[in-house]
Amino acid sequence: MNKWSLVIFGISVLSLTACGGNEDAKESPTGKEHEEIIEYEALNGVKQIPANPERVVLLSDVYFGYLQELDVNVIATTDYVFQSPFLNEYTDGVENLGDGSAVSVEEVLALDPDLIIAYHSSEILEQLEDIATTVAVDYATLGYKDQLTEFGEMFGRQDQAAEWIGNWENQINDLKPDVQTAVGDRTISILQPTESDVYLYGNGWGRGGEIMYEELELAMPSEVEEKVGSDGYNQLQLETVPQFAGDYILTAPWTPNLDGEFLYGSSIWEGLDAVENGRVFEMDPIGYYFNDPISLEQHLEEITSFLLENK
């Protein structure tokens, strides 16, 4: 992926008329002749983005909390946002478009957006571009701090992004010594069961990974590091779970409609050291899918409390 660049410039169109000896600026029918425009190089080309968009349709739900942190007005997004206990309070007045993979072009058109943000892999990306300025994004290409910085540049809100990052790093620095002392040399794993196997996560895919491994610098088992590799995740067969289970485990069913019994009801699970010693943290399966600033702040509080209380 090419490095994204940004050039901010203003567009001002001023029509002058003489009336009674006075010169007045005539407003256009849209009232947007003084609107600041940002030229932004997205994955799908250079885009002209309004610096203060009023009607953003967000089809890449994982970025909802990023835009909220930057005070960008999202009028519609997809279902996972509304299921997250960490984001739900920010959804008043936001339309729920349901399953992100099933959103139609007609639904988006009816919302009359002035900006659309969608995954680069979207099958309707070209059609969305015919509706309004559309920015394509790609999940996990950037770390969460770089992603916030990128959105700050996209909307000309670099100072807001930098302020959050500075405050966040201060929080981490305050908590890290006590957490590292409590955990010591114990390891931590992230496991999410499906109906027939188990997902194993490292850093970069939410689910507490960025907080534990990147920020607090806690250790995953060496076997986990090898297994997840550069992708940041992998799948396990049930019988291999003990090889990758840390002294602490963060877990949740892979989707909310699963109960996780494939793993949690097994004798293999019951025999894990973390389970026997009460060092299992149960994540919200949707809330921990997100790794935006708003969600991460609440993840940090929950995870550090758990680790400090379960030495």
C-alpha atoms as a PDB file:
ATOM      1  CA  MET A   1       0.000   0.000   0.000  1.00  0.00           C
ATOM      2  CA  ASN A   2       1.320   3.445  -0.948  1.00  0.00           C
ATOM      3  CA  LYS A   3       1.928   5.867   1.852  1.00  0.00           C
ATOM      4  CA  TRP A   4      -1.048   8.141   2.254  1.00  0.00           C
ATOM      5  CA  SER A   5      -0.510  11.839   1.938  1.00  0.00           C
ATOM      6  CA  LEU A   6      -2.579  14.882   2.624  1.00  0.00           C
ATOM      7  CA  VAL A   7      -2.786  18.420   1.451  1.00  0.00           C
ATOM      8  CA  ILE A   8      -5.252  20.763   3.072  1.00  0.00           C
ATOM      9  CA  PHE A   9      -6.588  23.659   1.152  1.00  0.00           C
ATOM     10  CA  GLY A  10      -9.624  25.902   1.290  1.00  0.00           C
ATOM     11  CA  ILE A  11     -12.005  26.647  -1.509  1.00  0.00           C
ATOM     12  CA  SER A  12     -13.733  30.005  -1.371  1.00  0.00           C
ATOM     13  CA  VAL A  13     -16.063  31.257  -4.046  1.00  0.00           C
ATOM     14  CA  LEU A  14     -17.152  34.843  -3.523  1.00  0.00           C
ATOM     15  CA  SER A  15     -19.741  36.508  -5.727  1.00  0.00           C
ATOM     16  CA  LEU A  16     -19.872  40.281  -5.334  1.00  0.00           C
ATOM     17  CA  THR A  17     -22.812  42.470  -6.276  1.00  0.00           C
ATOM     18  CA  ALA A  18     -23.231  46.183  -5.935  1.00  0.00           C
ATOM     19  CA  CYS A  19     -26.367  47.156  -4.087  1.00  0.00           C
ATOM     20  CA  GLY A  20     -26.865  50.660  -2.738  1.00  0.00           C
ATOM     21  CA  GLY A  21     -23.115  51.260  -2.900  1.00  0.00           C
ATOM     22  CA  ASN A  22     -22.356  48.162  -0.683  1.00  0.00           C
ATOM     23  CA  GLU A  23     -20.565  44.939  -1.716  1.00  0.00           C
ATOM     24  CA  ASP A  24     -22.041  41.774  -0.223  1.00  0.00           C
ATOM     25  CA  ALA A  25     -21.133  38.118  -0.537  1.00  0.00           C
ATOM     26  CA  LYS A  26     -23.916  36.232  -2.244  1.00  0.00           C
ATOM     27  CA  GLU A  27     -24.591  32.829  -0.722  1.00  0.00           C
ATOM     28  CA  SER A  28     -24.913  29.819  -2.966  1.00  0.00           C
ATOM     29  CA  PRO A  29     -28.065  27.653  -2.769  1.00  0.00           C
ATOM     30  CA  THR A  30     -26.152  25.071  -0.721  1.00  0.00           C
ATOM     31  CA  GLY A  31     -24.413  27.571   1.539  1.00  0.00           C
ATOM     32  CA  LYS A  32     -21.151  25.585   1.099  1.00  0.00           C
ATOM     33  CA  GLU A  33     -19.112  28.031  -0.971  1.00  0.00           C
ATOM     34  CA  HIS A  34     -16.735  28.600   1.966  1.00  0.00           C
ATOM     35  CA  GLU A  35     -16.488  24.924   2.898  1.00  0.00           C
ATOM     36  CA  GLU A  36     -12.985  23.706   3.615  1.00  0.00           C
ATOM     37  CA  ILE A  37     -11.994  20.779   1.473  1.00  0.00           C
ATOM     38  CA  ILE A  38      -9.232  18.294   2.213  1.00  0.00           C
ATOM     39  CA  GLU A  39      -7.483  16.503  -0.623  1.00  0.00           C
ATOM     40  CA  TYR A  40      -6.774  13.033   0.690  1.00  0.00           C
ATOM     41  CA  GLU A  41      -5.012  10.103  -0.944  1.00  0.00           C
ATOM     42  CA  ALA A  42      -7.100   7.057  -0.064  1.00  0.00           C
ATOM     43  CA  LEU A  43      -6.701   3.445  -1.152  1.00  0.00           C
ATOM     44  CA  ASN A  44      -9.153   4.151  -3.972  1.00  0.00           C
ATOM     45  CA  GLY A  45      -7.491   7.331  -5.200  1.00  0.00           C
ATOM     46  CA  VAL A  46      -7.284  11.004  -4.306  1.00  0.00           C
ATOM     47  CA  LYS A  47     -10.532  12.225  -2.765  1.00  0.00           C
ATOM     48  CA  GLN A  48     -12.004  15.647  -2.068  1.00  0.00           C
ATOM     49  CA  ILE A  49     -13.273  15.409   1.510  1.00  0.00           C
ATOM     50  CA  PRO A  50     -15.323  18.022   3.369  1.00  0.00           C
ATOM     51  CA  ALA A  51     -13.432  18.952   6.542  1.00  0.00           C
ATOM     52  CA  ASN A  52     -16.720  19.194   8.425  1.00  0.00           C
ATOM     53  CA  PRO A  53     -18.984  16.570   6.863  1.00  0.00           C
ATOM     54  CA  GLU A  54     -22.571  16.611   8.079  1.00  0.00           C
ATOM     55  CA  ARG A  55     -23.791  13.245   6.796  1.00  0.00           C
ATOM     56  CA  VAL A  56     -21.195  10.476   7.037  1.00  0.00           C
ATOM     57  CA  VAL A  57     -22.287   6.928   6.256  1.00  0.00           C
ATOM     58  CA  LEU A  58     -19.829   4.471   7.812  1.00  0.00           C
ATOM     59  CA  LEU A  59     -19.899   0.964   6.319  1.00  0.00           C
ATOM     60  CA  SER A  60     -16.631  -0.065   7.985  1.00  0.00           C
ATOM     61  CA  ASP A  61     -18.057  -0.345  11.496  1.00  0.00           C
ATOM     62  CA  VAL A  62     -14.773  -0.910  13.327  1.00  0.00           C
ATOM     63  CA  TYR A  63     -13.918   2.773  12.802  1.00  0.00           C
ATOM     64  CA  PHE A  64     -17.009   4.200  14.504  1.00  0.00           C
ATOM     65  CA  GLY A  65     -15.225   5.015  17.766  1.00  0.00           C
ATOM     66  CA  TYR A  66     -12.371   6.695  15.907  1.00  0.00           C
ATOM     67  CA  LEU A  67     -14.783   9.089  14.230  1.00  0.00           C
ATOM     68  CA  GLN A  68     -16.663   9.728  17.467  1.00  0.00           C
ATOM     69  CA  GLU A  69     -13.414  10.621  19.204  1.00  0.00           C
ATOM     70  CA  LEU A  70     -12.767  13.181  16.461  1.00  0.00           C
ATOM     71  CA  ASP A  71     -16.353  14.556  16.588  1.00  0.00           C
ATOM     72  CA  VAL A  72     -17.178  13.451  13.050  1.00  0.00           C
ATOM     73  CA  ASN A  73     -20.930  13.237  12.505  1.00  0.00           C
ATOM     74  CA  VAL A  74     -21.879   9.680  11.547  1.00  0.00           C
ATOM     75  CA  ILE A  75     -25.552   9.372  10.544  1.00  0.00           C
ATOM     76  CA  ALA A  76     -25.595   5.637   9.799  1.00  0.00           C
ATOM     77  CA  THR A  77     -23.470   2.543  10.373  1.00  0.00           C
ATOM     78  CA  THR A  78     -23.822  -1.213  10.694  1.00  0.00           C
ATOM     79  CA  ASP A  79     -25.049  -3.512  13.416  1.00  0.00           C
ATOM     80  CA  TYR A  80     -21.986  -4.415  15.500  1.00  0.00           C
ATOM     81  CA  VAL A  81     -21.646  -0.817  16.691  1.00  0.00           C
ATOM     82  CA  PHE A  82     -25.106  -1.000  18.259  1.00  0.00           C
ATOM     83  CA  GLN A  83     -24.280  -4.301  19.991  1.00  0.00           C
ATOM     84  CA  SER A  84     -21.142  -3.011  21.703  1.00  0.00           C
ATOM     85  CA  PRO A  85     -21.641  -2.042  25.349  1.00  0.00           C
ATOM     86  CA  PHE A  86     -18.784   0.434  24.952  1.00  0.00           C
ATOM     87  CA  LEU A  87     -20.215   2.285  21.934  1.00  0.00           C
ATOM     88  CA  ASN A  88     -23.960   2.021  22.353  1.00  0.00           C
ATOM     89  CA  GLU A  89     -24.280   5.349  24.181  1.00  0.00           C
ATOM     90  CA  TYR A  90     -22.845   7.129  21.134  1.00  0.00           C
ATOM     91  CA  THR A  91     -25.486   5.797  18.743  1.00  0.00           C
ATOM     92  CA  ASP A  92     -28.414   8.115  19.560  1.00  0.00           C
ATOM     93  CA  GLY A  93     -29.757   9.382  16.256  1.00  0.00           C
ATOM     94  CA  VAL A  94     -27.541   7.032  14.234  1.00  0.00           C
ATOM     95  CA  GLU A  95     -29.378   4.732  11.819  1.00  0.00           C
ATOM     96  CA  ASN A  96     -28.670   1.012  12.102  1.00  0.00           C
ATOM     97  CA  LEU A  97     -28.068  -0.421   8.631  1.00  0.00           C
ATOM     98  CA  GLY A  98     -27.997  -3.998   9.919  1.00  0.00           C
ATOM     99  CA  ASP A  99     -25.539  -6.601   8.690  1.00  0.00           C
ATOM    100  CA  GLY A 100     -22.637  -4.805   7.041  1.00  0.00           C
ATOM    101  CA  SER A 101     -22.338  -7.405   4.287  1.00  0.00           C
ATOM    102  CA  ALA A 102     -25.969  -6.904   3.280  1.00  0.00           C
ATOM    103  CA  VAL A 103     -26.184  -3.098   2.973  1.00  0.00           C
ATOM    104  CA  SER A 104     -27.576  -2.088  -0.415  1.00  0.00           C
ATOM    105  CA  VAL A 105     -26.649   0.806  -2.650  1.00  0.00           C
ATOM    106  CA  GLU A 106     -30.260   1.990  -2.493  1.00  0.00           C
ATOM    107  CA  GLU A 107     -30.134   2.241   1.311  1.00  0.00           C
ATOM    108  CA  VAL A 108     -27.028   4.391   1.182  1.00  0.00           C
ATOM    109  CA  LEU A 109     -28.413   6.586  -1.601  1.00  0.00           C
ATOM    110  CA  ALA A 110     -31.560   7.284   0.415  1.00  0.00           C
ATOM    111  CA  LEU A 111     -29.436   8.647   3.270  1.00  0.00           C
ATOM    112  CA  ASP A 112     -28.070  11.459   1.045  1.00  0.00           C
ATOM    113  CA  PRO A 113     -24.519  11.250   2.478  1.00  0.00           C
ATOM    114  CA  ASP A 114     -21.824  13.842   1.887  1.00  0.00           C
ATOM    115  CA  LEU A 115     -19.135  11.236   2.691  1.00  0.00           C
ATOM    116  CA  ILE A 116     -19.019   7.434   2.711  1.00  0.00           C
ATOM    117  CA  ILE A 117     -16.319   5.341   4.392  1.00  0.00           C
ATOM    118  CA  ALA A 118     -16.225   1.685   3.361  1.00  0.00           C
ATOM    119  CA  TYR A 119     -13.899  -1.290   3.350  1.00  0.00           C
ATOM    120  CA  HIS A 120     -11.679  -1.503   0.293  1.00  0.00           C
ATOM    121  CA  SER A 121     -12.983  -5.037  -0.237  1.00  0.00           C
ATOM    122  CA  SER A 122     -16.619  -3.891  -0.503  1.00  0.00           C
ATOM    123  CA  GLU A 123     -18.360  -5.399  -3.523  1.00  0.00           C
ATOM    124  CA  ILE A 124     -20.332  -2.187  -4.034  1.00  0.00           C
ATOM    125  CA  LEU A 125     -17.405   0.235  -3.704  1.00  0.00           C
ATOM    126  CA  GLU A 126     -17.635   1.544  -7.273  1.00  0.00           C
ATOM    127  CA  GLN A 127     -21.378   2.121  -6.941  1.00  0.00           C
ATOM    128  CA  LEU A 128     -20.870   3.957  -3.657  1.00  0.00           C
ATOM    129  CA  GLU A 129     -18.416   6.275  -5.387  1.00  0.00           C
ATOM    130  CA  ASP A 130     -21.244   7.323  -7.721  1.00  0.00           C
ATOM    131  CA  ILE A 131     -23.340   8.434  -4.721  1.00  0.00           C
ATOM    132  CA  ALA A 132     -20.873  10.621  -2.820  1.00  0.00           C
ATOM    133  CA  THR A 133     -17.172  10.963  -2.030  1.00  0.00           C
ATOM    134  CA  THR A 134     -16.144   7.503  -0.840  1.00  0.00           C
ATOM    135  CA  VAL A 135     -12.984   6.688   1.113  1.00  0.00           C
ATOM    136  CA  ALA A 136     -11.832   3.068   1.081  1.00  0.00           C
ATOM    137  CA  VAL A 137     -10.074   1.761   4.187  1.00  0.00           C
ATOM    138  CA  ASP A 138      -8.390  -1.537   5.006  1.00  0.00           C
ATOM    139  CA  TYR A 139      -8.579  -3.003   8.504  1.00  0.00           C
ATOM    140  CA  ALA A 140      -5.331  -3.916  10.284  1.00  0.00           C
ATOM    141  CA  THR A 141      -3.111  -2.127   7.758  1.00  0.00           C
ATOM    142  CA  LEU A 142      -2.312   0.453  10.442  1.00  0.00           C
ATOM    143  CA  GLY A 143      -1.981   0.156  14.199  1.00  0.00           C
ATOM    144  CA  TYR A 144      -4.696   1.888  16.178  1.00  0.00           C
ATOM    145  CA  LYS A 145      -2.660   5.008  17.007  1.00  0.00           C
ATOM    146  CA  ASP A 146      -1.546   5.409  13.408  1.00  0.00           C
ATOM    147  CA  GLN A 147      -5.130   4.860  12.285  1.00  0.00           C
ATOM    148  CA  LEU A 148      -6.396   7.623  14.566  1.00  0.00           C
ATOM    149  CA  THR A 149      -3.644   9.902  13.270  1.00  0.00           C
ATOM    150  CA  GLU A 150      -4.684   9.049   9.710  1.00  0.00           C
ATOM    151  CA  PHE A 151      -8.313   9.976  10.401  1.00  0.00           C
ATOM    152  CA  GLY A 152      -7.078  13.161  12.063  1.00  0.00           C
ATOM    153  CA  GLU A 153      -5.311  14.065   8.847  1.00  0.00           C
ATOM    154  CA  MET A 154      -8.288  13.050   6.740  1.00  0.00           C
ATOM    155  CA  PHE A 155     -10.537  15.521   8.547  1.00  0.00           C
ATOM    156  CA  GLY A 156      -7.972  18.166   9.454  1.00  0.00           C
ATOM    157  CA  ARG A 157      -8.214  17.219  13.138  1.00  0.00           C
ATOM    158  CA  GLN A 158      -4.623  16.275  13.809  1.00  0.00           C
ATOM    159  CA  ASP A 159      -4.559  18.107  17.146  1.00  0.00           C
ATOM    160  CA  GLN A 160      -7.507  16.096  18.482  1.00  0.00           C
ATOM    161  CA  ALA A 161      -5.873  12.835  17.451  1.00  0.00           C
ATOM    162  CA  ALA A 162      -2.544  13.824  19.003  1.00  0.00           C
ATOM    163  CA  GLU A 163      -4.234  14.899  22.231  1.00  0.00           C
ATOM    164  CA  TRP A 164      -5.936  11.529  22.665  1.00  0.00           C
ATOM    165  CA  ILE A 165      -2.714   9.647  21.957  1.00  0.00           C
ATOM    166  CA  GLY A 166      -0.813  11.755  24.492  1.00  0.00           C
ATOM    167  CA  ASN A 167      -3.440  11.217  27.199  1.00  0.00           C
ATOM    168  CA  TRP A 168      -3.593   7.499  26.422  1.00  0.00           C
ATOM    169  CA  GLU A 169       0.158   7.065  26.718  1.00  0.00           C
ATOM    170  CA  ASN A 170       0.074   8.829  30.081  1.00  0.00           C
ATOM    171  CA  GLN A 171      -2.577   6.359  31.297  1.00  0.00           C
ATOM    172  CA  ILE A 172      -0.489   3.432  30.126  1.00  0.00           C
ATOM    173  CA  ASN A 173       2.652   4.763  31.796  1.00  0.00           C
ATOM    174  CA  ASP A 174       0.779   5.201  35.080  1.00  0.00           C
ATOM    175  CA  LEU A 175      -0.611   1.655  35.055  1.00  0.00           C
ATOM    176  CA  LYS A 176       2.213  -0.350  33.507  1.00  0.00           C
ATOM    177  CA  PRO A 177       4.552  -0.697  36.536  1.00  0.00           C
ATOM    178  CA  ASP A 178       1.842  -2.054  38.850  1.00  0.00           C
ATOM    179  CA  VAL A 179       0.444  -4.422  36.219  1.00  0.00           C
ATOM    180  CA  GLN A 180       3.860  -5.772  35.268  1.00  0.00           C
ATOM    181  CA  THR A 181       4.644  -6.365  38.934  1.00  0.00           C
ATOM    182  CA  ALA A 182       1.328  -8.178  39.455  1.00  0.00           C
ATOM    183  CA  VAL A 183       1.691 -10.389  36.378  1.00  0.00           C
ATOM    184  CA  GLY A 184       5.403 -11.030  36.684  1.00  0.00           C
ATOM    185  CA  ASP A 185       6.681 -13.534  34.132  1.00  0.00           C
ATOM    186  CA  ARG A 186       3.284 -15.173  33.587  1.00  0.00           C
ATOM    187  CA  THR A 187       1.995 -15.365  30.031  1.00  0.00           C
ATOM    188  CA  ILE A 188      -1.364 -14.354  28.529  1.00  0.00           C
ATOM    189  CA  SER A 189      -3.357 -15.864  25.662  1.00  0.00           C
ATOM    190  CA  ILE A 190      -6.459 -14.778  23.749  1.00  0.00           C
ATOM    191  CA  LEU A 191      -8.755 -17.658  22.734  1.00  0.00           C
ATOM    192  CA  GLN A 192     -12.142 -17.495  21.007  1.00  0.00           C
ATOM    193  CA  PRO A 193     -14.066 -20.712  20.293  1.00  0.00           C
ATOM    194  CA  THR A 194     -16.275 -21.233  17.240  1.00  0.00           C
ATOM    195  CA  GLU A 195     -18.494 -24.302  16.776  1.00  0.00           C
ATOM    196  CA  SER A 196     -15.615 -26.492  15.631  1.00  0.00           C
ATOM    197  CA  ASP A 197     -12.272 -24.851  16.365  1.00  0.00           C
ATOM    198  CA  VAL A 198     -10.644 -22.054  18.343  1.00  0.00           C
ATOM    199  CA  TYR A 199      -9.253 -18.717  17.166  1.00  0.00           C
ATOM    200  CA  LEU A 200      -5.931 -17.681  18.681  1.00  0.00           C
ATOM    201  CA  TYR A 201      -5.037 -13.962  18.574  1.00  0.00           C
ATOM    202  CA  GLY A 202      -1.874 -11.954  19.015  1.00  0.00           C
ATOM    203  CA  ASN A 203      -1.447  -8.192  18.726  1.00  0.00           C
ATOM    204  CA  GLY A 204      -3.351  -5.950  16.311  1.00  0.00           C
ATOM    205  CA  TRP A 205      -6.856  -7.426  16.145  1.00  0.00           C
ATOM    206  CA  GLY A 206      -8.538  -5.880  19.167  1.00  0.00           C
ATOM    207  CA  ARG A 207      -9.639  -8.329  21.854  1.00  0.00           C
ATOM    208  CA  GLY A 208      -7.217  -6.778  24.329  1.00  0.00           C
ATOM    209  CA  GLY A 209      -4.155  -7.653  22.271  1.00  0.00           C
ATOM    210  CA  GLU A 210      -2.875  -4.129  21.738  1.00  0.00           C
ATOM    211  CA  ILE A 211      -3.252  -3.301  25.415  1.00  0.00           C
ATOM    212  CA  MET A 212      -1.584  -6.414  26.806  1.00  0.00           C
ATOM    213  CA  TYR A 213       1.172  -7.068  24.314  1.00  0.00           C
ATOM    214  CA  GLU A 214       1.928  -3.671  22.792  1.00  0.00           C
ATOM    215  CA  GLU A 215       1.250  -1.209  25.602  1.00  0.00           C
ATOM    216  CA  LEU A 216       1.680  -3.098  28.867  1.00  0.00           C
ATOM    217  CA  GLU A 217       4.387  -5.290  27.293  1.00  0.00           C
ATOM    218  CA  LEU A 218       3.103  -8.500  28.818  1.00  0.00           C
ATOM    219  CA  ALA A 219       4.196 -11.817  27.339  1.00  0.00           C
ATOM    220  CA  MET A 220       2.311 -14.289  25.203  1.00  0.00           C
ATOM    221  CA  PRO A 221       3.546 -17.888  25.207  1.00  0.00           C
ATOM    222  CA  SER A 222       6.338 -18.357  22.668  1.00  0.00           C
ATOM    223  CA  GLU A 223       4.198 -20.964  20.917  1.00  0.00           C
ATOM    224  CA  VAL A 224       1.511 -18.328  20.380  1.00  0.00           C
ATOM    225  CA  GLU A 225       3.966 -15.898  18.848  1.00  0.00           C
ATOM    226  CA  GLU A 226       5.095 -18.549  16.392  1.00  0.00           C
ATOM    227  CA  LYS A 227       1.557 -19.689  15.594  1.00  0.00           C
ATOM    228  CA  VAL A 228      -0.033 -16.290  14.901  1.00  0.00           C
ATOM    229  CA  GLY A 229       2.976 -15.067  12.920  1.00  0.00           C
ATOM    230  CA  SER A 230       2.647 -11.926  10.834  1.00  0.00           C
ATOM    231  CA  ASP A 231      -1.113 -12.421  10.349  1.00  0.00           C
ATOM    232  CA  GLY A 232      -1.770 -11.852  14.040  1.00  0.00           C
ATOM    233  CA  TYR A 233      -4.184 -14.778  14.387  1.00  0.00           C
ATOM    234  CA  ASN A 234      -4.615 -18.467  13.581  1.00  0.00           C
ATOM    235  CA  GLN A 235      -6.995 -21.349  14.176  1.00  0.00           C
ATOM    236  CA  LEU A 236      -6.480 -24.257  16.536  1.00  0.00           C
ATOM    237  CA  GLN A 237      -7.947 -27.699  16.859  1.00  0.00           C
ATOM    238  CA  LEU A 238      -9.364 -28.340  20.328  1.00  0.00           C
ATOM    239  CA  GLU A 239      -6.740 -30.906  21.277  1.00  0.00           C
ATOM    240  CA  THR A 240      -3.909 -28.434  20.648  1.00  0.00           C
ATOM    241  CA  VAL A 241      -5.277 -25.660  22.894  1.00  0.00           C
ATOM    242  CA  PRO A 242      -3.097 -26.572  25.930  1.00  0.00           C
ATOM    243  CA  GLN A 243       0.031 -25.843  23.865  1.00  0.00           C
ATOM    244  CA  PHE A 244      -1.062 -22.239  23.383  1.00  0.00           C
ATOM    245  CA  ALA A 245      -2.847 -21.473  26.649  1.00  0.00           C
ATOM    246  CA  GLY A 246      -1.105 -18.901  28.831  1.00  0.00           C
ATOM    247  CA  ASP A 247      -1.154 -18.486  32.600  1.00  0.00           C
ATOM    248  CA  TYR A 248      -3.934 -15.961  31.974  1.00  0.00           C
ATOM    249  CA  ILE A 249      -6.597 -16.316  29.275  1.00  0.00           C
ATOM    250  CA  LEU A 250      -8.865 -13.677  27.752  1.00  0.00           C
ATOM    251  CA  THR A 251     -11.795 -15.335  26.048  1.00  0.00           C
ATOM    252  CA  ALA A 252     -15.256 -15.024  24.534  1.00  0.00           C
ATOM    253  CA  PRO A 253     -17.224 -16.991  21.945  1.00  0.00           C
ATOM    254  CA  TRP A 254     -16.179 -15.882  18.461  1.00  0.00           C
ATOM    255  CA  THR A 255     -19.647 -14.484  17.755  1.00  0.00           C
ATOM    256  CA  PRO A 256     -22.533 -13.593  20.110  1.00  0.00           C
ATOM    257  CA  ASN A 257     -24.755 -16.384  18.793  1.00  0.00           C
ATOM    258  CA  LEU A 258     -22.312 -19.037  20.028  1.00  0.00           C
ATOM    259  CA  ASP A 259     -22.144 -20.273  23.615  1.00  0.00           C
ATOM    260  CA  GLY A 260     -18.555 -21.471  23.374  1.00  0.00           C
ATOM    261  CA  GLU A 261     -19.365 -24.900  24.757  1.00  0.00           C
ATOM    262  CA  PHE A 262     -17.191 -26.535  22.118  1.00  0.00           C
ATOM    263  CA  LEU A 263     -14.275 -25.276  24.218  1.00  0.00           C
ATOM    264  CA  TYR A 264     -15.722 -24.343  27.610  1.00  0.00           C
ATOM    265  CA  GLY A 265     -17.578 -27.624  28.059  1.00  0.00           C
ATOM    266  CA  SER A 266     -14.541 -29.760  27.330  1.00  0.00           C
ATOM    267  CA  SER A 267     -12.277 -31.577  29.766  1.00  0.00           C
ATOM    268  CA  ILE A 268      -9.354 -29.942  27.978  1.00  0.00           C
ATOM    269  CA  TRP A 269     -10.586 -26.508  29.042  1.00  0.00           C
ATOM    270  CA  GLU A 270     -11.196 -27.605  32.613  1.00  0.00           C
ATOM    271  CA  GLY A 271      -7.638 -28.887  32.860  1.00  0.00           C
ATOM    272  CA  LEU A 272      -5.946 -25.638  31.840  1.00  0.00           C
ATOM    273  CA  ASP A 273      -3.849 -23.945  34.501  1.00  0.00           C
ATOM    274  CA  ALA A 274      -5.550 -20.566  33.948  1.00  0.00           C
ATOM    275  CA  VAL A 275      -8.979 -22.126  34.455  1.00  0.00           C
ATOM    276  CA  GLU A 276      -7.939 -24.062  37.575  1.00  0.00           C
ATOM    277  CA  ASN A 277      -6.433 -20.914  39.114  1.00  0.00           C
ATOM    278  CA  GLY A 278      -9.230 -18.478  38.241  1.00  0.00           C
ATOM    279  CA  ARG A 279      -7.180 -16.447  35.794  1.00  0.00           C
ATOM    280  CA  VAL A 280      -9.737 -16.326  32.978  1.00  0.00           C
ATOM    281  CA  PHE A 281     -11.154 -12.991  31.834  1.00  0.00           C
ATOM    282  CA  GLU A 282     -14.446 -13.191  29.954  1.00  0.00           C
ATOM    283  CA  MET A 283     -14.601 -10.531  27.252  1.00  0.00           C
ATOM    284  CA  ASP A 284     -17.734  -9.157  25.655  1.00  0.00           C
ATOM    285  CA  PRO A 285     -17.563 -10.802  22.185  1.00  0.00           C
ATOM    286  CA  ILE A 286     -18.655  -7.660  20.339  1.00  0.00           C
ATOM    287  CA  GLY A 287     -17.239  -4.986  22.637  1.00  0.00           C
ATOM    288  CA  TYR A 288     -13.730  -6.425  22.324  1.00  0.00           C
ATOM    289  CA  TYR A 289     -13.976  -6.780  18.535  1.00  0.00           C
ATOM    290  CA  PHE A 290     -13.360  -3.027  18.389  1.00  0.00           C
ATOM    291  CA  ASN A 291      -9.992  -1.351  18.989  1.00  0.00           C
ATOM    292  CA  ASP A 292     -10.970   2.305  18.666  1.00  0.00           C
ATOM    293  CA  PRO A 293     -10.043   4.979  21.252  1.00  0.00           C
ATOM    294  CA  ILE A 294     -13.388   4.902  23.059  1.00  0.00           C
ATOM    295  CA  SER A 295     -13.467   1.106  23.321  1.00  0.00           C
ATOM    296  CA  LEU A 296      -9.799   0.804  24.256  1.00  0.00           C
ATOM    297  CA  GLU A 297     -10.158   3.145  27.215  1.00  0.00           C
ATOM    298  CA  GLN A 298     -12.814   0.863  28.671  1.00  0.00           C
ATOM    299  CA  HIS A 299     -10.876  -2.282  27.772  1.00  0.00           C
ATOM    300  CA  LEU A 300      -7.876  -0.877  29.615  1.00  0.00           C
ATOM    301  CA  GLU A 301      -9.897  -0.322  32.764  1.00  0.00           C
ATOM    302  CA  GLU A 302     -11.401  -3.826  32.706  1.00  0.00           C
ATOM    303  CA  ILE A 303      -8.213  -5.695  31.805  1.00  0.00           C
ATOM    304  CA  THR A 304      -5.946  -3.939  34.281  1.00  0.00           C
ATOM    305  CA  SER A 305      -8.489  -4.372  37.077  1.00  0.00           C
ATOM    306  CA  PHE A 306      -8.667  -8.081  36.311  1.00  0.00           C
ATOM    307  CA  LEU A 307      -4.897  -8.510  36.237  1.00  0.00           C
ATOM    308  CA  LEU A 308      -4.322  -6.531  39.436  1.00  0.00           C
ATOM    309  CA  GLU A 309      -7.021  -8.477  41.275  1.00  0.00           C
ATOM    310  CA  ASN A 310      -5.843 -11.914  40.091  1.00  0.00           C
ATOM    311  CA  LYS A 311      -2.144 -11.977  40.853  1.00  0.00           C
END
